[in-house]
PDB file of all heavy atoms in Angstrom:
ATOM      1  N   LEU A   1     -16.793-263.447  19.039  1.00  0.00           N
ATOM      2  CA  LEU A   1     -16.958-264.349  20.170  1.00  0.00           C
ATOM      3  C   LEU A   1     -15.593-264.869  20.602  1.00  0.00           C
ATOM      4  O   LEU A   1     -14.731-265.118  19.755  1.00  0.00           O
ATOM      5  CB  LEU A   1     -17.837-265.542  19.783  1.00  0.00           C
ATOM      6  CG  LEU A   1     -19.292-265.228  19.468  1.00  0.00           C
ATOM      7  CD1 LEU A   1     -20.004-266.483  18.979  1.00  0.00           C
ATOM      8  CD2 LEU A   1     -19.989-264.696  20.703  1.00  0.00           C
ATOM      9  N   PRO A   2     -15.391-265.046  21.899  1.00  0.00           N
ATOM     10  CA  PRO A   2     -14.133-265.648  22.337  1.00  0.00           C
ATOM     11  C   PRO A   2     -14.065-267.076  21.830  1.00  0.00           C
ATOM     12  O   PRO A   2     -15.079-267.760  21.766  1.00  0.00           O
ATOM     13  CB  PRO A   2     -14.202-265.603  23.864  1.00  0.00           C
ATOM     14  CG  PRO A   2     -15.644-265.445  24.186  1.00  0.00           C
ATOM     15  CD  PRO A   2     -16.279-264.746  23.013  1.00  0.00           C
ATOM     16  N   SER A   3     -12.891-267.496  21.454  1.00  0.00           N
ATOM     17  CA  SER A   3     -12.753-268.868  20.969  1.00  0.00           C
ATOM     18  C   SER A   3     -12.876-269.815  22.153  1.00  0.00           C
ATOM     19  O   SER A   3     -12.522-269.488  23.269  1.00  0.00           O
ATOM     20  CB  SER A   3     -11.416-269.067  20.261  1.00  0.00           C
ATOM     21  OG  SER A   3     -10.363-268.855  21.169  1.00  0.00           O
ATOM     22  N   SER A   4     -13.385-271.002  21.870  1.00  0.00           N
ATOM     23  CA  SER A   4     -13.485-272.027  22.914  1.00  0.00           C
ATOM     24  C   SER A   4     -12.713-273.244  22.457  1.00  0.00           C
ATOM     25  O   SER A   4     -12.278-273.337  21.320  1.00  0.00           O
ATOM     26  CB  SER A   4     -14.951-272.392  23.185  1.00  0.00           C
ATOM     27  OG  SER A   4     -15.510-273.020  22.059  1.00  0.00           O
ATOM     28  N   ALA A   5     -12.551-274.193  23.346  1.00  0.00           N
ATOM     29  CA  ALA A   5     -11.744-275.386  23.054  1.00  0.00           C
ATOM     30  C   ALA A   5     -12.322-276.202  21.912  1.00  0.00           C
ATOM     31  O   ALA A   5     -11.600-276.915  21.241  1.00  0.00           O
ATOM     32  CB  ALA A   5     -11.624-276.250  24.303  1.00  0.00           C
ATOM     33  N   THR A   6     -13.636-276.110  21.685  1.00  0.00           N
ATOM     34  CA  THR A   6     -14.244-276.943  20.658  1.00  0.00           C
ATOM     35  C   THR A   6     -14.346-276.238  19.318  1.00  0.00           C
ATOM     36  O   THR A   6     -14.748-276.851  18.349  1.00  0.00           O
ATOM     37  CB  THR A   6     -15.657-277.393  21.088  1.00  0.00           C
ATOM     38  OG1 THR A   6     -16.445-276.244  21.347  1.00  0.00           O
ATOM     39  CG2 THR A   6     -15.591-278.285  22.310  1.00  0.00           C
ATOM     40  N   THR A   7     -13.997-274.965  19.213  1.00  0.00           N
ATOM     41  CA  THR A   7     -14.081-274.279  17.932  1.00  0.00           C
ATOM     42  C   THR A   7     -12.707-274.176  17.317  1.00  0.00           C
ATOM     43  O   THR A   7     -11.697-274.190  17.985  1.00  0.00           O
ATOM     44  CB  THR A   7     -14.678-272.864  18.089  1.00  0.00           C
ATOM     45  OG1 THR A   7     -13.862-272.124  18.979  1.00  0.00           O
ATOM     46  CG2 THR A   7     -16.098-272.910  18.584  1.00  0.00           C
ATOM     47  N   GLY A   8     -12.684-274.106  16.002  1.00  0.00           N
ATOM     48  CA  GLY A   8     -11.434-273.936  15.299  1.00  0.00           C
ATOM     49  C   GLY A   8     -10.724-275.244  15.001  1.00  0.00           C
ATOM     50  O   GLY A   8      -9.800-275.286  14.218  1.00  0.00           O
ATOM     51  N   GLY A   9     -11.159-276.332  15.568  1.00  0.00           N
ATOM     52  CA  GLY A   9     -10.531-277.625  15.321  1.00  0.00           C
ATOM     53  C   GLY A   9     -11.583-278.698  15.344  1.00  0.00           C
ATOM     54  O   GLY A   9     -12.773-278.422  15.302  1.00  0.00           O
ATOM     55  N   ALA A  10     -11.147-279.907  15.409  1.00  0.00           N
ATOM     56  CA  ALA A  10     -12.088-281.009  15.460  1.00  0.00           C
ATOM     57  C   ALA A  10     -12.769-281.029  16.821  1.00  0.00           C
ATOM     58  O   ALA A  10     -12.130-280.885  17.851  1.00  0.00           O
ATOM     59  CB  ALA A  10     -11.357-282.331  15.234  1.00  0.00           C
ATOM     60  N   ALA A  11     -14.082-281.197  16.805  1.00  0.00           N
ATOM     61  CA  ALA A  11     -14.840-281.252  18.055  1.00  0.00           C
ATOM     62  C   ALA A  11     -14.532-282.560  18.775  1.00  0.00           C
ATOM     63  O   ALA A  11     -14.317-283.589  18.156  1.00  0.00           O
ATOM     64  CB  ALA A  11     -16.332-281.143  17.774  1.00  0.00           C
ATOM     65  N   LYS A  12     -14.507-282.518  20.083  1.00  0.00           N
ATOM     66  CA  LYS A  12     -14.222-283.702  20.880  1.00  0.00           C
ATOM     67  C   LYS A  12     -15.468-284.533  21.126  1.00  0.00           C
ATOM     68  O   LYS A  12     -15.377-285.638  21.622  1.00  0.00           O
ATOM     69  CB  LYS A  12     -13.624-283.292  22.230  1.00  0.00           C
ATOM     70  CG  LYS A  12     -12.268-282.678  22.135  1.00  0.00           C
ATOM     71  CD  LYS A  12     -11.746-282.364  23.523  1.00  0.00           C
ATOM     72  CE  LYS A  12     -10.386-281.737  23.472  1.00  0.00           C
ATOM     73  NZ  LYS A  12      -9.879-281.437  24.800  1.00  0.00           N
ATOM     74  N   GLY A  13     -16.635-284.007  20.856  1.00  0.00           N
ATOM     75  CA  GLY A  13     -17.865-284.722  21.166  1.00  0.00           C
ATOM     76  C   GLY A  13     -18.245-284.481  22.613  1.00  0.00           C
ATOM     77  O   GLY A  13     -17.691-283.629  23.285  1.00  0.00           O
ATOM     78  N   ARG A  14     -19.188-285.256  23.085  1.00  0.00           N
ATOM     79  CA  ARG A  14     -19.621-285.096  24.470  1.00  0.00           C
ATOM     80  C   ARG A  14     -18.550-285.599  25.417  1.00  0.00           C
ATOM     81  O   ARG A  14     -17.968-286.650  25.205  1.00  0.00           O
ATOM     82  CB  ARG A  14     -20.918-285.855  24.710  1.00  0.00           C
ATOM     83  CG  ARG A  14     -22.073-285.253  23.961  1.00  0.00           C
ATOM     84  CD  ARG A  14     -23.342-285.959  24.320  1.00  0.00           C
ATOM     85  NE  ARG A  14     -24.456-285.307  23.648  1.00  0.00           N
ATOM     86  CZ  ARG A  14     -25.698-285.609  23.877  1.00  0.00           C
ATOM     87  NH1 ARG A  14     -26.010-286.531  24.738  1.00  0.00           N
ATOM     88  NH2 ARG A  14     -26.655-284.988  23.242  1.00  0.00           N
ATOM     89  N   GLN A  15     -18.334-284.860  26.467  1.00  0.00           N
ATOM     90  CA  GLN A  15     -17.336-285.223  27.463  1.00  0.00           C
ATOM     91  C   GLN A  15     -18.042-285.588  28.770  1.00  0.00           C
ATOM     92  O   GLN A  15     -19.030-284.974  29.130  1.00  0.00           O
ATOM     93  CB  GLN A  15     -16.380-284.052  27.726  1.00  0.00           C
ATOM     94  CG  GLN A  15     -15.614-283.614  26.500  1.00  0.00           C
ATOM     95  CD  GLN A  15     -14.663-284.681  26.009  1.00  0.00           C
ATOM     96  OE1 GLN A  15     -13.904-285.232  26.784  1.00  0.00           O
ATOM     97  NE2 GLN A  15     -14.730-284.990  24.730  1.00  0.00           N
ATOM     98  N   ALA A  16     -17.487-286.580  29.459  1.00  0.00           N
ATOM     99  CA  ALA A  16     -18.040-286.984  30.753  1.00  0.00           C
ATOM    100  C   ALA A  16     -17.874-285.835  31.744  1.00  0.00           C
ATOM    101  O   ALA A  16     -16.838-285.207  31.801  1.00  0.00           O
ATOM    102  CB  ALA A  16     -17.326-288.234  31.255  1.00  0.00           C
ATOM    103  N   GLU A  17     -18.924-285.539  32.492  1.00  0.00           N
ATOM    104  CA  GLU A  17     -18.915-284.395  33.402  1.00  0.00           C
ATOM    105  C   GLU A  17     -18.690-284.771  34.866  1.00  0.00           C
ATOM    106  O   GLU A  17     -18.521-283.909  35.700  1.00  0.00           O
ATOM    107  CB  GLU A  17     -20.245-283.650  33.317  1.00  0.00           C
ATOM    108  CG  GLU A  17     -20.482-282.984  31.990  1.00  0.00           C
ATOM    109  CD  GLU A  17     -21.771-282.196  32.006  1.00  0.00           C
ATOM    110  OE1 GLU A  17     -22.082-281.573  33.045  1.00  0.00           O
ATOM    111  OE2 GLU A  17     -22.477-282.210  31.005  1.00  0.00           O
ATOM    112  N   PHE A  18     -18.732-286.046  35.204  1.00  0.00           N
ATOM    113  CA  PHE A  18     -18.620-286.502  36.586  1.00  0.00           C
ATOM    114  C   PHE A  18     -19.706-285.891  37.451  1.00  0.00           C
ATOM    115  O   PHE A  18     -19.460-285.497  38.572  1.00  0.00           O
ATOM    116  CB  PHE A  18     -17.230-286.228  37.168  1.00  0.00           C
ATOM    117  CG  PHE A  18     -16.176-287.045  36.500  1.00  0.00           C
ATOM    118  CD1 PHE A  18     -15.406-286.512  35.494  1.00  0.00           C
ATOM    119  CD2 PHE A  18     -15.988-288.359  36.873  1.00  0.00           C
ATOM    120  CE1 PHE A  18     -14.443-287.275  34.862  1.00  0.00           C
ATOM    121  CE2 PHE A  18     -15.014-289.130  36.244  1.00  0.00           C
ATOM    122  CZ  PHE A  18     -14.247-288.586  35.236  1.00  0.00           C
ATOM    123  N   ARG A  19     -20.900-285.780  36.914  1.00  0.00           N
ATOM    124  CA  ARG A  19     -22.054-285.334  37.686  1.00  0.00           C
ATOM    125  C   ARG A  19     -23.296-285.944  37.065  1.00  0.00           C
ATOM    126  O   ARG A  19     -23.303-286.322  35.905  1.00  0.00           O
ATOM    127  CB  ARG A  19     -22.156-283.812  37.737  1.00  0.00           C
ATOM    128  CG  ARG A  19     -22.254-283.142  36.377  1.00  0.00           C
ATOM    129  CD  ARG A  19     -22.222-281.653  36.476  1.00  0.00           C
ATOM    130  NE  ARG A  19     -23.585-281.144  36.579  1.00  0.00           N
ATOM    131  CZ  ARG A  19     -23.894-279.887  36.705  1.00  0.00           C
ATOM    132  NH1 ARG A  19     -22.950-278.986  36.746  1.00  0.00           N
ATOM    133  NH2 ARG A  19     -25.135-279.505  36.796  1.00  0.00           N
ATOM    134  N   THR A  20     -24.340-286.060  37.858  1.00  0.00           N
ATOM    135  CA  THR A  20     -25.600-286.603  37.380  1.00  0.00           C
ATOM    136  C   THR A  20     -26.720-285.940  38.156  1.00  0.00           C
ATOM    137  O   THR A  20     -26.451-285.085  39.016  1.00  0.00           O
ATOM    138  CB  THR A  20     -25.639-288.144  37.528  1.00  0.00           C
ATOM    139  OG1 THR A  20     -26.798-288.651  36.861  1.00  0.00           O
ATOM    140  CG2 THR A  20     -25.637-288.579  38.985  1.00  0.00           C
ATOM    141  N   ARG A  21     -27.943-286.292  37.849  1.00  0.00           N
ATOM    142  CA  ARG A  21     -29.083-285.740  38.587  1.00  0.00           C
ATOM    143  C   ARG A  21     -30.151-286.812  38.702  1.00  0.00           C
ATOM    144  O   ARG A  21     -30.156-287.786  37.964  1.00  0.00           O
ATOM    145  CB  ARG A  21     -29.642-284.511  37.887  1.00  0.00           C
ATOM    146  CG  ARG A  21     -30.257-284.839  36.550  1.00  0.00           C
ATOM    147  CD  ARG A  21     -31.037-283.677  35.983  1.00  0.00           C
ATOM    148  NE  ARG A  21     -31.809-284.179  34.876  1.00  0.00           N
ATOM    149  CZ  ARG A  21     -31.743-283.726  33.650  1.00  0.00           C
ATOM    150  NH1 ARG A  21     -30.954-282.729  33.375  1.00  0.00           N
ATOM    151  NH2 ARG A  21     -32.460-284.256  32.706  1.00  0.00           N
ATOM    152  N   VAL A  22     -31.044-286.612  39.632  1.00  0.00           N
ATOM    153  CA  VAL A  22     -32.155-287.533  39.811  1.00  0.00           C
ATOM    154  C   VAL A  22     -33.216-287.172  38.768  1.00  0.00           C
ATOM    155  O   VAL A  22     -33.614-286.017  38.643  1.00  0.00           O
ATOM    156  CB  VAL A  22     -32.738-287.429  41.241  1.00  0.00           C
ATOM    157  CG1 VAL A  22     -33.940-288.341  41.395  1.00  0.00           C
ATOM    158  CG2 VAL A  22     -31.672-287.746  42.279  1.00  0.00           C
ATOM    159  N   HIS A  23     -33.633-288.164  38.007  1.00  0.00           N
ATOM    160  CA  HIS A  23     -34.638-287.952  36.968  1.00  0.00           C
ATOM    161  C   HIS A  23     -36.031-287.871  37.589  1.00  0.00           C
ATOM    162  O   HIS A  23     -36.219-288.207  38.757  1.00  0.00           O
ATOM    163  CB  HIS A  23     -34.565-289.085  35.944  1.00  0.00           C
ATOM    164  CG  HIS A  23     -33.299-289.066  35.151  1.00  0.00           C
ATOM    165  ND1 HIS A  23     -33.219-288.583  33.878  1.00  0.00           N
ATOM    166  CD2 HIS A  23     -32.039-289.441  35.482  1.00  0.00           C
ATOM    167  CE1 HIS A  23     -31.976-288.674  33.445  1.00  0.00           C
ATOM    168  NE2 HIS A  23     -31.227-289.198  34.406  1.00  0.00           N
ATOM    169  N   GLY A  24     -37.001-287.436  36.821  1.00  0.00           N
ATOM    170  CA  GLY A  24     -38.369-287.260  37.290  1.00  0.00           C
ATOM    171  C   GLY A  24     -38.987-288.528  37.847  1.00  0.00           C
ATOM    172  O   GLY A  24     -39.848-288.470  38.713  1.00  0.00           O
ATOM    173  N   ASN A  25     -38.540-289.684  37.353  1.00  0.00           N
ATOM    174  CA  ASN A  25     -39.084-290.950  37.841  1.00  0.00           C
ATOM    175  C   ASN A  25     -38.340-291.468  39.071  1.00  0.00           C
ATOM    176  O   ASN A  25     -38.604-292.560  39.542  1.00  0.00           O
ATOM    177  CB  ASN A  25     -39.071-292.005  36.738  1.00  0.00           C
ATOM    178  CG  ASN A  25     -37.675-292.319  36.236  1.00  0.00           C
ATOM    179  OD1 ASN A  25     -36.681-291.812  36.760  1.00  0.00           O
ATOM    180  ND2 ASN A  25     -37.596-293.136  35.214  1.00  0.00           N
ATOM    181  N   GLY A  26     -37.375-290.682  39.584  1.00  0.00           N
ATOM    182  CA  GLY A  26     -36.628-291.067  40.776  1.00  0.00           C
ATOM    183  C   GLY A  26     -35.350-291.832  40.497  1.00  0.00           C
ATOM    184  O   GLY A  26     -34.597-292.142  41.421  1.00  0.00           O
ATOM    185  N   ASN A  27     -35.070-292.148  39.245  1.00  0.00           N
ATOM    186  CA  ASN A  27     -33.865-292.899  38.906  1.00  0.00           C
ATOM    187  C   ASN A  27     -32.636-291.996  38.896  1.00  0.00           C
ATOM    188  O   ASN A  27     -32.715-290.818  38.562  1.00  0.00           O
ATOM    189  CB  ASN A  27     -33.997-293.556  37.530  1.00  0.00           C
ATOM    190  CG  ASN A  27     -34.970-294.708  37.536  1.00  0.00           C
ATOM    191  OD1 ASN A  27     -35.342-295.202  38.587  1.00  0.00           O
ATOM    192  ND2 ASN A  27     -35.384-295.138  36.364  1.00  0.00           N
ATOM    193  N   LEU A  28     -31.509-292.600  39.222  1.00  0.00           N
ATOM    194  CA  LEU A  28     -30.223-291.926  39.191  1.00  0.00           C
ATOM    195  C   LEU A  28     -29.371-292.681  38.186  1.00  0.00           C
ATOM    196  O   LEU A  28     -29.048-293.846  38.392  1.00  0.00           O
ATOM    197  CB  LEU A  28     -29.581-291.965  40.580  1.00  0.00           C
ATOM    198  CG  LEU A  28     -28.268-291.246  40.765  1.00  0.00           C
ATOM    199  CD1 LEU A  28     -28.468-289.736  40.595  1.00  0.00           C
ATOM    200  CD2 LEU A  28     -27.712-291.524  42.151  1.00  0.00           C
ATOM    201  N   LEU A  29     -29.007-292.042  37.077  1.00  0.00           N
ATOM    202  CA  LEU A  29     -28.283-292.685  35.994  1.00  0.00           C
ATOM    203  C   LEU A  29     -26.800-292.376  36.086  1.00  0.00           C
ATOM    204  O   LEU A  29     -26.412-291.220  36.244  1.00  0.00           O
ATOM    205  CB  LEU A  29     -28.832-292.197  34.646  1.00  0.00           C
ATOM    206  CG  LEU A  29     -28.193-292.776  33.400  1.00  0.00           C
ATOM    207  CD1 LEU A  29     -28.513-294.265  33.296  1.00  0.00           C
ATOM    208  CD2 LEU A  29     -28.710-292.046  32.180  1.00  0.00           C
ATOM    209  N   ILE A  30     -25.972-293.413  35.991  1.00  0.00           N
ATOM    210  CA  ILE A  30     -24.524-293.227  36.025  1.00  0.00           C
ATOM    211  C   ILE A  30     -24.001-292.988  34.621  1.00  0.00           C
ATOM    212  O   ILE A  30     -23.246-292.066  34.376  1.00  0.00           O
ATOM    213  CB  ILE A  30     -23.819-294.434  36.682  1.00  0.00           C
ATOM    214  CG1 ILE A  30     -24.220-294.517  38.142  1.00  0.00           C
ATOM    215  CG2 ILE A  30     -22.322-294.320  36.536  1.00  0.00           C
ATOM    216  CD1 ILE A  30     -23.715-295.734  38.846  1.00  0.00           C
ATOM    217  N   GLY A  31     -24.364-293.798  33.671  1.00  0.00           N
ATOM    218  CA  GLY A  31     -23.977-293.595  32.286  1.00  0.00           C
ATOM    219  C   GLY A  31     -22.836-294.489  31.818  1.00  0.00           C
ATOM    220  O   GLY A  31     -22.018-294.971  32.597  1.00  0.00           O
ATOM    221  N   HIS A  32     -22.796-294.673  30.505  1.00  0.00           N
ATOM    222  CA  HIS A  32     -21.848-295.573  29.858  1.00  0.00           C
ATOM    223  C   HIS A  32     -20.394-295.176  30.067  1.00  0.00           C
ATOM    224  O   HIS A  32     -19.525-296.024  30.258  1.00  0.00           O
ATOM    225  CB  HIS A  32     -22.176-295.646  28.362  1.00  0.00           C
ATOM    226  CG  HIS A  32     -21.294-296.572  27.614  1.00  0.00           C
ATOM    227  ND1 HIS A  32     -20.265-296.141  26.833  1.00  0.00           N
ATOM    228  CD2 HIS A  32     -21.275-297.925  27.547  1.00  0.00           C
ATOM    229  CE1 HIS A  32     -19.647-297.181  26.305  1.00  0.00           C
ATOM    230  NE2 HIS A  32     -20.242-298.276  26.723  1.00  0.00           N
ATOM    231  N   ALA A  33     -20.093-293.888  30.035  1.00  0.00           N
ATOM    232  CA  ALA A  33     -18.700-293.443  30.179  1.00  0.00           C
ATOM    233  C   ALA A  33     -18.111-293.929  31.502  1.00  0.00           C
ATOM    234  O   ALA A  33     -16.939-294.320  31.560  1.00  0.00           O
ATOM    235  CB  ALA A  33     -18.618-291.927  30.104  1.00  0.00           C
ATOM    236  N   TYR A  34     -18.912-293.946  32.540  1.00  0.00           N
ATOM    237  CA  TYR A  34     -18.409-294.328  33.860  1.00  0.00           C
ATOM    238  C   TYR A  34     -18.392-295.834  34.044  1.00  0.00           C
ATOM    239  O   TYR A  34     -17.465-296.377  34.624  1.00  0.00           O
ATOM    240  CB  TYR A  34     -19.243-293.651  34.946  1.00  0.00           C
ATOM    241  CG  TYR A  34     -19.333-292.181  34.675  1.00  0.00           C
ATOM    242  CD1 TYR A  34     -20.508-291.614  34.214  1.00  0.00           C
ATOM    243  CD2 TYR A  34     -18.218-291.373  34.806  1.00  0.00           C
ATOM    244  CE1 TYR A  34     -20.567-290.265  33.925  1.00  0.00           C
ATOM    245  CE2 TYR A  34     -18.278-290.022  34.508  1.00  0.00           C
ATOM    246  CZ  TYR A  34     -19.457-289.475  34.071  1.00  0.00           C
ATOM    247  OH  TYR A  34     -19.512-288.157  33.763  1.00  0.00           O
ATOM    248  N   THR A  35     -19.431-296.525  33.548  1.00  0.00           N
ATOM    249  CA  THR A  35     -19.431-297.980  33.677  1.00  0.00           C
ATOM    250  C   THR A  35     -18.293-298.581  32.858  1.00  0.00           C
ATOM    251  O   THR A  35     -17.644-299.532  33.295  1.00  0.00           O
ATOM    252  CB  THR A  35     -20.780-298.592  33.265  1.00  0.00           C
ATOM    253  OG1 THR A  35     -21.102-298.187  31.938  1.00  0.00           O
ATOM    254  CG2 THR A  35     -21.886-298.166  34.212  1.00  0.00           C
ATOM    255  N   ARG A  36     -18.003-298.012  31.705  1.00  0.00           N
ATOM    256  CA  ARG A  36     -16.880-298.486  30.891  1.00  0.00           C
ATOM    257  C   ARG A  36     -15.560-298.219  31.610  1.00  0.00           C
ATOM    258  O   ARG A  36     -14.681-299.071  31.658  1.00  0.00           O
ATOM    259  CB  ARG A  36     -16.892-297.804  29.522  1.00  0.00           C
ATOM    260  CG  ARG A  36     -15.772-298.315  28.606  1.00  0.00           C
ATOM    261  CD  ARG A  36     -15.772-297.631  27.252  1.00  0.00           C
ATOM    262  NE  ARG A  36     -15.526-296.210  27.442  1.00  0.00           N
ATOM    263  CZ  ARG A  36     -16.227-295.249  26.861  1.00  0.00           C
ATOM    264  NH1 ARG A  36     -17.220-295.537  26.058  1.00  0.00           N
ATOM    265  NH2 ARG A  36     -15.932-293.982  27.068  1.00  0.00           N
ATOM    266  N   ARG A  37     -15.437-297.029  32.186  1.00  0.00           N
ATOM    267  CA  ARG A  37     -14.206-296.659  32.897  1.00  0.00           C
ATOM    268  C   ARG A  37     -13.956-297.579  34.088  1.00  0.00           C
ATOM    269  O   ARG A  37     -12.814-297.882  34.425  1.00  0.00           O
ATOM    270  CB  ARG A  37     -14.306-295.207  33.345  1.00  0.00           C
ATOM    271  CG  ARG A  37     -13.040-294.676  33.944  1.00  0.00           C
ATOM    272  CD  ARG A  37     -13.153-293.195  34.169  1.00  0.00           C
ATOM    273  NE  ARG A  37     -11.940-292.697  34.780  1.00  0.00           N
ATOM    274  CZ  ARG A  37     -11.676-291.446  34.979  1.00  0.00           C
ATOM    275  NH1 ARG A  37     -12.540-290.531  34.596  1.00  0.00           N
ATOM    276  NH2 ARG A  37     -10.562-291.063  35.533  1.00  0.00           N
ATOM    277  N   LEU A  38     -15.026-298.020  34.733  1.00  0.00           N
ATOM    278  CA  LEU A  38     -14.910-298.932  35.872  1.00  0.00           C
ATOM    279  C   LEU A  38     -14.777-300.392  35.455  1.00  0.00           C
ATOM    280  O   LEU A  38     -14.594-301.261  36.296  1.00  0.00           O
ATOM    281  CB  LEU A  38     -16.119-298.769  36.797  1.00  0.00           C
ATOM    282  CG  LEU A  38     -16.212-297.442  37.539  1.00  0.00           C
ATOM    283  CD1 LEU A  38     -17.577-297.300  38.201  1.00  0.00           C
ATOM    284  CD2 LEU A  38     -15.099-297.339  38.571  1.00  0.00           C
ATOM    285  N   GLY A  39     -14.917-300.662  34.162  1.00  0.00           N
ATOM    286  CA  GLY A  39     -14.815-302.034  33.679  1.00  0.00           C
ATOM    287  C   GLY A  39     -16.040-302.866  33.981  1.00  0.00           C
ATOM    288  O   GLY A  39     -15.949-304.091  34.059  1.00  0.00           O
ATOM    289  N   LEU A  40     -17.186-302.232  34.161  1.00  0.00           N
ATOM    290  CA  LEU A  40     -18.417-302.956  34.470  1.00  0.00           C
ATOM    291  C   LEU A  40     -19.028-303.512  33.194  1.00  0.00           C
ATOM    292  O   LEU A  40     -18.894-302.927  32.128  1.00  0.00           O
ATOM    293  CB  LEU A  40     -19.408-302.027  35.178  1.00  0.00           C
ATOM    294  CG  LEU A  40     -18.887-301.340  36.436  1.00  0.00           C
ATOM    295  CD1 LEU A  40     -19.964-300.440  37.022  1.00  0.00           C
ATOM    296  CD2 LEU A  40     -18.411-302.345  37.459  1.00  0.00           C
ATOM    297  N   GLU A  41     -19.692-304.647  33.337  1.00  0.00           N
ATOM    298  CA  GLU A  41     -20.302-305.301  32.189  1.00  0.00           C
ATOM    299  C   GLU A  41     -21.799-305.467  32.416  1.00  0.00           C
ATOM    300  O   GLU A  41     -22.246-305.582  33.561  1.00  0.00           O
ATOM    301  CB  GLU A  41     -19.657-306.676  31.977  1.00  0.00           C
ATOM    302  CG  GLU A  41     -18.182-306.599  31.645  1.00  0.00           C
ATOM    303  CD  GLU A  41     -17.566-307.978  31.513  1.00  0.00           C
ATOM    304  OE1 GLU A  41     -18.301-308.989  31.533  1.00  0.00           O
ATOM    305  OE2 GLU A  41     -16.332-308.043  31.388  1.00  0.00           O
ATOM    306  N   PRO A  42     -22.578-305.522  31.318  1.00  0.00           N
ATOM    307  CA  PRO A  42     -24.023-305.747  31.465  1.00  0.00           C
ATOM    308  C   PRO A  42     -24.295-307.033  32.227  1.00  0.00           C
ATOM    309  O   PRO A  42     -23.609-308.037  32.034  1.00  0.00           O
ATOM    310  CB  PRO A  42     -24.515-305.860  30.013  1.00  0.00           C
ATOM    311  CG  PRO A  42     -23.500-305.104  29.216  1.00  0.00           C
ATOM    312  CD  PRO A  42     -22.187-305.321  29.918  1.00  0.00           C
ATOM    313  N   GLY A  43     -25.240-306.979  33.129  1.00  0.00           N
ATOM    314  CA  GLY A  43     -25.612-308.147  33.918  1.00  0.00           C
ATOM    315  C   GLY A  43     -24.976-308.195  35.296  1.00  0.00           C
ATOM    316  O   GLY A  43     -25.438-308.940  36.148  1.00  0.00           O
TER     317      GLY A  43
END
């Protein structure tokens, strides 16, 4: 198999993709990675 960036070393974990989708209930989720990056706080 061709080597990829996550093999052969320590895995980076999940990376933010800068994309989202509308869920079945109609909600659009931004996610923690982006709210943290924007400095947003709960409430």
